[in-house]
Amino acid sequence: MSSIVVNLIEPLPPFTQPGLDWGETFEMALRGFFGIIRGLIILIVSLIPLIIIGVPAYYLYRRRELKKKK
């Protein structure tokens, strides 16, 4: 003899529509805005070393090319 136990649980809906709570909507918009600003700051800070090395290297390369043409 054996017994079988079955538990049925209804899954949560995959998406719940937001209500008309303007405070929550505004807060989410601000979080998104500051997330984008944070990403841009990280991008700029990570590009600074490349700019520091790349700009002088470009001008040295250009100067050499101009001297070769003369």
PDB file of N, CA and C in Angstrom:
ATOM      1  N   MET A   1       0.838  -1.169   0.000  1.00  0.00           N
ATOM      2  CA  MET A   1       0.000   0.000   0.000  1.00  0.00           C
ATOM      3  C   MET A   1       0.893   1.246   0.000  1.00  0.00           C
ATOM      4  N   SER A   2       0.435   2.220  -0.693  1.00  0.00           N
ATOM      5  CA  SER A   2       1.181   3.477  -0.751  1.00  0.00           C
ATOM      6  C   SER A   2       0.195   4.636  -0.765  1.00  0.00           C
ATOM      7  N   SER A   3       0.712   5.783  -0.422  1.00  0.00           N
ATOM      8  CA  SER A   3      -0.150   6.965  -0.455  1.00  0.00           C
ATOM      9  C   SER A   3       0.520   8.028  -1.327  1.00  0.00           C
ATOM     10  N   ILE A   4      -0.272   8.759  -2.024  1.00  0.00           N
ATOM     11  CA  ILE A   4       0.209   9.812  -2.907  1.00  0.00           C
ATOM     12  C   ILE A   4      -0.321  11.141  -2.384  1.00  0.00           C
ATOM     13  N   VAL A   5       0.602  12.101  -2.232  1.00  0.00           N
ATOM     14  CA  VAL A   5       0.225  13.431  -1.755  1.00  0.00           C
ATOM     15  C   VAL A   5       0.477  14.423  -2.889  1.00  0.00           C
ATOM     16  N   VAL A   6      -0.527  15.194  -3.190  1.00  0.00           N
ATOM     17  CA  VAL A   6      -0.412  16.195  -4.259  1.00  0.00           C
ATOM     18  C   VAL A   6      -0.740  17.557  -3.667  1.00  0.00           C
ATOM     19  N   ASN A   7       0.176  18.520  -3.863  1.00  0.00           N
ATOM     20  CA  ASN A   7      -0.053  19.903  -3.428  1.00  0.00           C
ATOM     21  C   ASN A   7      -0.171  20.772  -4.670  1.00  0.00           C
ATOM     22  N   LEU A   8      -1.257  21.443  -4.808  1.00  0.00           N
ATOM     23  CA  LEU A   8      -1.468  22.332  -5.942  1.00  0.00           C
ATOM     24  C   LEU A   8      -1.361  23.770  -5.469  1.00  0.00           C
ATOM     25  N   ILE A   9      -0.458  24.517  -6.113  1.00  0.00           N
ATOM     26  CA  ILE A   9      -0.273  25.927  -5.779  1.00  0.00           C
ATOM     27  C   ILE A   9      -0.427  26.736  -7.058  1.00  0.00           C
ATOM     28  N   GLU A  10      -1.260  27.735  -7.015  1.00  0.00           N
ATOM     29  CA  GLU A  10      -1.463  28.578  -8.186  1.00  0.00           C
ATOM     30  C   GLU A  10      -0.274  29.530  -8.328  1.00  0.00           C
ATOM     31  N   PRO A  11       0.347  29.560  -9.511  1.00  0.00           N
ATOM     32  CA  PRO A  11       1.515  30.441  -9.682  1.00  0.00           C
ATOM     33  C   PRO A  11       1.097  31.910  -9.701  1.00  0.00           C
ATOM     34  N   LEU A  12       2.049  32.769  -9.352  1.00  0.00           N
ATOM     35  CA  LEU A  12       1.794  34.197  -9.376  1.00  0.00           C
ATOM     36  C   LEU A  12       1.686  34.665 -10.821  1.00  0.00           C
ATOM     37  N   PRO A  13       0.907  35.677 -11.081  1.00  0.00           N
ATOM     38  CA  PRO A  13       0.827  36.183 -12.454  1.00  0.00           C
ATOM     39  C   PRO A  13       2.193  36.747 -12.869  1.00  0.00           C
ATOM     40  N   PRO A  14       2.575  36.574 -14.143  1.00  0.00           N
ATOM     41  CA  PRO A  14       3.901  37.022 -14.568  1.00  0.00           C
ATOM     42  C   PRO A  14       4.060  38.531 -14.581  1.00  0.00           C
ATOM     43  N   PHE A  15       2.997  39.258 -14.737  1.00  0.00           N
ATOM     44  CA  PHE A  15       3.079  40.716 -14.795  1.00  0.00           C
ATOM     45  C   PHE A  15       1.851  41.307 -14.133  1.00  0.00           C
ATOM     46  N   THR A  16       2.091  42.212 -13.242  1.00  0.00           N
ATOM     47  CA  THR A  16       0.974  42.919 -12.633  1.00  0.00           C
ATOM     48  C   THR A  16       0.992  44.348 -13.148  1.00  0.00           C
ATOM     49  N   GLN A  17      -0.110  44.790 -13.604  1.00  0.00           N
ATOM     50  CA  GLN A  17      -0.181  46.140 -14.154  1.00  0.00           C
ATOM     51  C   GLN A  17      -0.062  47.160 -13.044  1.00  0.00           C
ATOM     52  N   PRO A  18       0.729  48.220 -13.299  1.00  0.00           N
ATOM     53  CA  PRO A  18       0.866  49.243 -12.261  1.00  0.00           C
ATOM     54  C   PRO A  18      -0.433  50.017 -12.083  1.00  0.00           C
ATOM     55  N   GLY A  19      -0.660  50.412 -10.883  1.00  0.00           N
ATOM     56  CA  GLY A  19      -1.852  51.211 -10.598  1.00  0.00           C
ATOM     57  C   GLY A  19      -1.627  52.654 -10.996  1.00  0.00           C
ATOM     58  N   LEU A  20      -2.521  53.489 -10.629  1.00  0.00           N
ATOM     59  CA  LEU A  20      -2.412  54.900 -10.950  1.00  0.00           C
ATOM     60  C   LEU A  20      -1.760  55.668  -9.809  1.00  0.00           C
ATOM     61  N   ASP A  21      -0.792  55.054  -9.166  1.00  0.00           N
ATOM     62  CA  ASP A  21      -0.075  55.711  -8.083  1.00  0.00           C
ATOM     63  C   ASP A  21       1.037  56.561  -8.689  1.00  0.00           C
ATOM     64  N   TRP A  22       0.800  57.868  -8.784  1.00  0.00           N
ATOM     65  CA  TRP A  22       1.763  58.753  -9.430  1.00  0.00           C
ATOM     66  C   TRP A  22       3.054  58.858  -8.648  1.00  0.00           C
ATOM     67  N   GLY A  23       2.991  58.733  -7.342  1.00  0.00           N
ATOM     68  CA  GLY A  23       4.211  58.785  -6.535  1.00  0.00           C
ATOM     69  C   GLY A  23       5.142  57.637  -6.860  1.00  0.00           C
ATOM     70  N   GLU A  24       4.591  56.442  -6.983  1.00  0.00           N
ATOM     71  CA  GLU A  24       5.408  55.264  -7.315  1.00  0.00           C
ATOM     72  C   GLU A  24       5.950  55.369  -8.736  1.00  0.00           C
ATOM     73  N   THR A  25       5.130  55.851  -9.652  1.00  0.00           N
ATOM     74  CA  THR A  25       5.567  56.014 -11.037  1.00  0.00           C
ATOM     75  C   THR A  25       6.695  57.031 -11.129  1.00  0.00           C
ATOM     76  N   PHE A  26       6.562  58.134 -10.420  1.00  0.00           N
ATOM     77  CA  PHE A  26       7.610  59.162 -10.416  1.00  0.00           C
ATOM     78  C   PHE A  26       8.889  58.631  -9.800  1.00  0.00           C
ATOM     79  N   GLU A  27       8.768  57.865  -8.727  1.00  0.00           N
ATOM     80  CA  GLU A  27       9.942  57.280  -8.072  1.00  0.00           C
ATOM     81  C   GLU A  27      10.665  56.310  -9.008  1.00  0.00           C
ATOM     82  N   MET A  28       9.913  55.500  -9.732  1.00  0.00           N
ATOM     83  CA  MET A  28      10.530  54.579 -10.682  1.00  0.00           C
ATOM     84  C   MET A  28      11.219  55.338 -11.816  1.00  0.00           C
ATOM     85  N   ALA A  29      10.620  56.428 -12.266  1.00  0.00           N
ATOM     86  CA  ALA A  29      11.232  57.243 -13.317  1.00  0.00           C
ATOM     87  C   ALA A  29      12.534  57.861 -12.830  1.00  0.00           C
ATOM     88  N   LEU A  30      12.542  58.344 -11.599  1.00  0.00           N
ATOM     89  CA  LEU A  30      13.771  58.917 -11.047  1.00  0.00           C
ATOM     90  C   LEU A  30      14.852  57.854 -10.880  1.00  0.00           C
ATOM     91  N   ARG A  31      14.475  56.666 -10.453  1.00  0.00           N
ATOM     92  CA  ARG A  31      15.458  55.582 -10.332  1.00  0.00           C
ATOM     93  C   ARG A  31      16.064  55.243 -11.690  1.00  0.00           C
ATOM     94  N   GLY A  32      15.235  55.198 -12.716  1.00  0.00           N
ATOM     95  CA  GLY A  32      15.739  54.937 -14.065  1.00  0.00           C
ATOM     96  C   GLY A  32      16.661  56.042 -14.541  1.00  0.00           C
ATOM     97  N   PHE A  33      16.281  57.290 -14.292  1.00  0.00           N
ATOM     98  CA  PHE A  33      17.094  58.429 -14.692  1.00  0.00           C
ATOM     99  C   PHE A  33      18.457  58.398 -14.008  1.00  0.00           C
ATOM    100  N   PHE A  34      18.458  58.184 -12.699  1.00  0.00           N
ATOM    101  CA  PHE A  34      19.728  58.152 -11.973  1.00  0.00           C
ATOM    102  C   PHE A  34      20.545  56.921 -12.335  1.00  0.00           C
ATOM    103  N   GLY A  35      19.895  55.837 -12.725  1.00  0.00           N
ATOM    104  CA  GLY A  35      20.618  54.669 -13.213  1.00  0.00           C
ATOM    105  C   GLY A  35      21.358  54.974 -14.504  1.00  0.00           C
ATOM    106  N   ILE A  36      20.712  55.719 -15.391  1.00  0.00           N
ATOM    107  CA  ILE A  36      21.358  56.109 -16.642  1.00  0.00           C
ATOM    108  C   ILE A  36      22.511  57.073 -16.361  1.00  0.00           C
ATOM    109  N   ILE A  37      22.314  58.029 -15.478  1.00  0.00           N
ATOM    110  CA  ILE A  37      23.378  58.973 -15.122  1.00  0.00           C
ATOM    111  C   ILE A  37      24.564  58.225 -14.522  1.00  0.00           C
ATOM    112  N   ARG A  38      24.290  57.266 -13.642  1.00  0.00           N
ATOM    113  CA  ARG A  38      25.365  56.481 -13.025  1.00  0.00           C
ATOM    114  C   ARG A  38      26.135  55.715 -14.104  1.00  0.00           C
ATOM    115  N   GLY A  39      25.428  55.140 -15.065  1.00  0.00           N
ATOM    116  CA  GLY A  39      26.094  54.413 -16.148  1.00  0.00           C
ATOM    117  C   GLY A  39      26.956  55.320 -17.006  1.00  0.00           C
ATOM    118  N   LEU A  40      26.467  56.539 -17.286  1.00  0.00           N
ATOM    119  CA  LEU A  40      27.266  57.484 -18.068  1.00  0.00           C
ATOM    120  C   LEU A  40      28.522  57.915 -17.319  1.00  0.00           C
ATOM    121  N   ILE A  41      28.410  58.108 -16.018  1.00  0.00           N
ATOM    122  CA  ILE A  41      29.586  58.474 -15.220  1.00  0.00           C
ATOM    123  C   ILE A  41      30.610  57.352 -15.245  1.00  0.00           C
ATOM    124  N   ILE A  42      30.161  56.120 -15.101  1.00  0.00           N
ATOM    125  CA  ILE A  42      31.074  54.984 -15.155  1.00  0.00           C
ATOM    126  C   ILE A  42      31.742  54.900 -16.519  1.00  0.00           C
ATOM    127  N   LEU A  43      30.983  55.133 -17.588  1.00  0.00           N
ATOM    128  CA  LEU A  43      31.546  55.104 -18.936  1.00  0.00           C
ATOM    129  C   LEU A  43      32.608  56.177 -19.110  1.00  0.00           C
ATOM    130  N   ILE A  44      32.328  57.392 -18.671  1.00  0.00           N
ATOM    131  CA  ILE A  44      33.287  58.489 -18.816  1.00  0.00           C
ATOM    132  C   ILE A  44      34.553  58.218 -18.014  1.00  0.00           C
ATOM    133  N   VAL A  45      34.395  57.761 -16.775  1.00  0.00           N
ATOM    134  CA  VAL A  45      35.564  57.488 -15.931  1.00  0.00           C
ATOM    135  C   VAL A  45      36.399  56.357 -16.514  1.00  0.00           C
ATOM    136  N   SER A  46      35.759  55.365 -17.108  1.00  0.00           N
ATOM    137  CA  SER A  46      36.523  54.259 -17.675  1.00  0.00           C
ATOM    138  C   SER A  46      37.192  54.647 -18.994  1.00  0.00           C
ATOM    139  N   LEU A  47      36.708  55.676 -19.686  1.00  0.00           N
ATOM    140  CA  LEU A  47      37.334  56.125 -20.929  1.00  0.00           C
ATOM    141  C   LEU A  47      38.477  57.117 -20.706  1.00  0.00           C
ATOM    142  N   ILE A  48      38.571  57.714 -19.534  1.00  0.00           N
ATOM    143  CA  ILE A  48      39.618  58.702 -19.265  1.00  0.00           C
ATOM    144  C   ILE A  48      41.025  58.135 -19.496  1.00  0.00           C
ATOM    145  N   PRO A  49      41.379  56.940 -18.999  1.00  0.00           N
ATOM    146  CA  PRO A  49      42.732  56.431 -19.275  1.00  0.00           C
ATOM    147  C   PRO A  49      42.999  56.235 -20.764  1.00  0.00           C
ATOM    148  N   LEU A  50      42.001  55.799 -21.510  1.00  0.00           N
ATOM    149  CA  LEU A  50      42.190  55.641 -22.947  1.00  0.00           C
ATOM    150  C   LEU A  50      42.418  56.982 -23.632  1.00  0.00           C
ATOM    151  N   ILE A  51      41.729  58.004 -23.183  1.00  0.00           N
ATOM    152  CA  ILE A  51      41.902  59.333 -23.755  1.00  0.00           C
ATOM    153  C   ILE A  51      43.278  59.881 -23.408  1.00  0.00           C
ATOM    154  N   ILE A  52      43.716  59.678 -22.170  1.00  0.00           N
ATOM    155  CA  ILE A  52      45.019  60.177 -21.744  1.00  0.00           C
ATOM    156  C   ILE A  52      46.139  59.546 -22.568  1.00  0.00           C
ATOM    157  N   ILE A  53      46.002  58.292 -22.906  1.00  0.00           N
ATOM    158  CA  ILE A  53      47.027  57.612 -23.699  1.00  0.00           C
ATOM    159  C   ILE A  53      46.808  57.845 -25.194  1.00  0.00           C
ATOM    160  N   GLY A  54      45.572  57.828 -25.641  1.00  0.00           N
ATOM    161  CA  GLY A  54      45.269  57.870 -27.067  1.00  0.00           C
ATOM    162  C   GLY A  54      45.496  59.212 -27.724  1.00  0.00           C
ATOM    163  N   VAL A  55      45.147  60.303 -27.074  1.00  0.00           N
ATOM    164  CA  VAL A  55      45.273  61.624 -27.698  1.00  0.00           C
ATOM    165  C   VAL A  55      46.733  61.971 -27.968  1.00  0.00           C
ATOM    166  N   PRO A  56      47.649  61.848 -27.000  1.00  0.00           N
ATOM    167  CA  PRO A  56      49.055  62.140 -27.323  1.00  0.00           C
ATOM    168  C   PRO A  56      49.628  61.175 -28.366  1.00  0.00           C
ATOM    169  N   ALA A  57      49.232  59.911 -28.310  1.00  0.00           N
ATOM    170  CA  ALA A  57      49.717  58.950 -29.303  1.00  0.00           C
ATOM    171  C   ALA A  57      49.235  59.337 -30.692  1.00  0.00           C
ATOM    172  N   TYR A  58      48.018  59.806 -30.821  1.00  0.00           N
ATOM    173  CA  TYR A  58      47.491  60.232 -32.118  1.00  0.00           C
ATOM    174  C   TYR A  58      48.272  61.428 -32.650  1.00  0.00           C
ATOM    175  N   TYR A  59      48.557  62.409 -31.789  1.00  0.00           N
ATOM    176  CA  TYR A  59      49.293  63.590 -32.246  1.00  0.00           C
ATOM    177  C   TYR A  59      50.733  63.237 -32.618  1.00  0.00           C
ATOM    178  N   LEU A  60      51.355  62.327 -31.894  1.00  0.00           N
ATOM    179  CA  LEU A  60      52.708  61.890 -32.269  1.00  0.00           C
ATOM    180  C   LEU A  60      52.673  61.177 -33.610  1.00  0.00           C
ATOM    181  N   TYR A  61      51.704  60.323 -33.824  1.00  0.00           N
ATOM    182  CA  TYR A  61      51.561  59.622 -35.100  1.00  0.00           C
ATOM    183  C   TYR A  61      51.346  60.614 -36.238  1.00  0.00           C
ATOM    184  N   ARG A  62      50.492  61.579 -36.011  1.00  0.00           N
ATOM    185  CA  ARG A  62      50.205  62.576 -37.041  1.00  0.00           C
ATOM    186  C   ARG A  62      51.431  63.425 -37.364  1.00  0.00           C
ATOM    187  N   ARG A  63      52.186  63.773 -36.335  1.00  0.00           N
ATOM    188  CA  ARG A  63      53.399  64.559 -36.546  1.00  0.00           C
ATOM    189  C   ARG A  63      54.404  63.769 -37.375  1.00  0.00           C
ATOM    190  N   ARG A  64      54.562  62.471 -37.075  1.00  0.00           N
ATOM    191  CA  ARG A  64      55.482  61.630 -37.853  1.00  0.00           C
ATOM    192  C   ARG A  64      55.040  61.517 -39.302  1.00  0.00           C
ATOM    193  N   GLU A  65      53.750  61.358 -39.513  1.00  0.00           N
ATOM    194  CA  GLU A  65      53.244  61.234 -40.885  1.00  0.00           C
ATOM    195  C   GLU A  65      53.469  62.522 -41.670  1.00  0.00           C
ATOM    196  N   LEU A  66      53.312  63.663 -41.024  1.00  0.00           N
ATOM    197  CA  LEU A  66      53.544  64.943 -41.711  1.00  0.00           C
ATOM    198  C   LEU A  66      55.020  65.125 -42.033  1.00  0.00           C
ATOM    199  N   LYS A  67      55.915  64.674 -41.148  1.00  0.00           N
ATOM    200  CA  LYS A  67      57.361  64.778 -41.411  1.00  0.00           C
ATOM    201  C   LYS A  67      57.765  63.839 -42.551  1.00  0.00           C
ATOM    202  N   LYS A  68      57.124  62.663 -42.647  1.00  0.00           N
ATOM    203  CA  LYS A  68      57.442  61.716 -43.716  1.00  0.00           C
ATOM    204  C   LYS A  68      57.040  62.278 -45.081  1.00  0.00           C
ATOM    205  N   LYS A  69      55.963  63.034 -45.129  1.00  0.00           N
ATOM    206  CA  LYS A  69      55.483  63.590 -46.395  1.00  0.00           C
ATOM    207  C   LYS A  69      56.396  64.696 -46.911  1.00  0.00           C
ATOM    208  N   LYS A  70      57.065  65.387 -46.010  1.00  0.00           N
ATOM    209  CA  LYS A  70      57.946  66.502 -46.426  1.00  0.00           C
ATOM    210  C   LYS A  70      59.223  65.965 -46.932  1.00  0.00           C
TER     211      LYS A  70
END
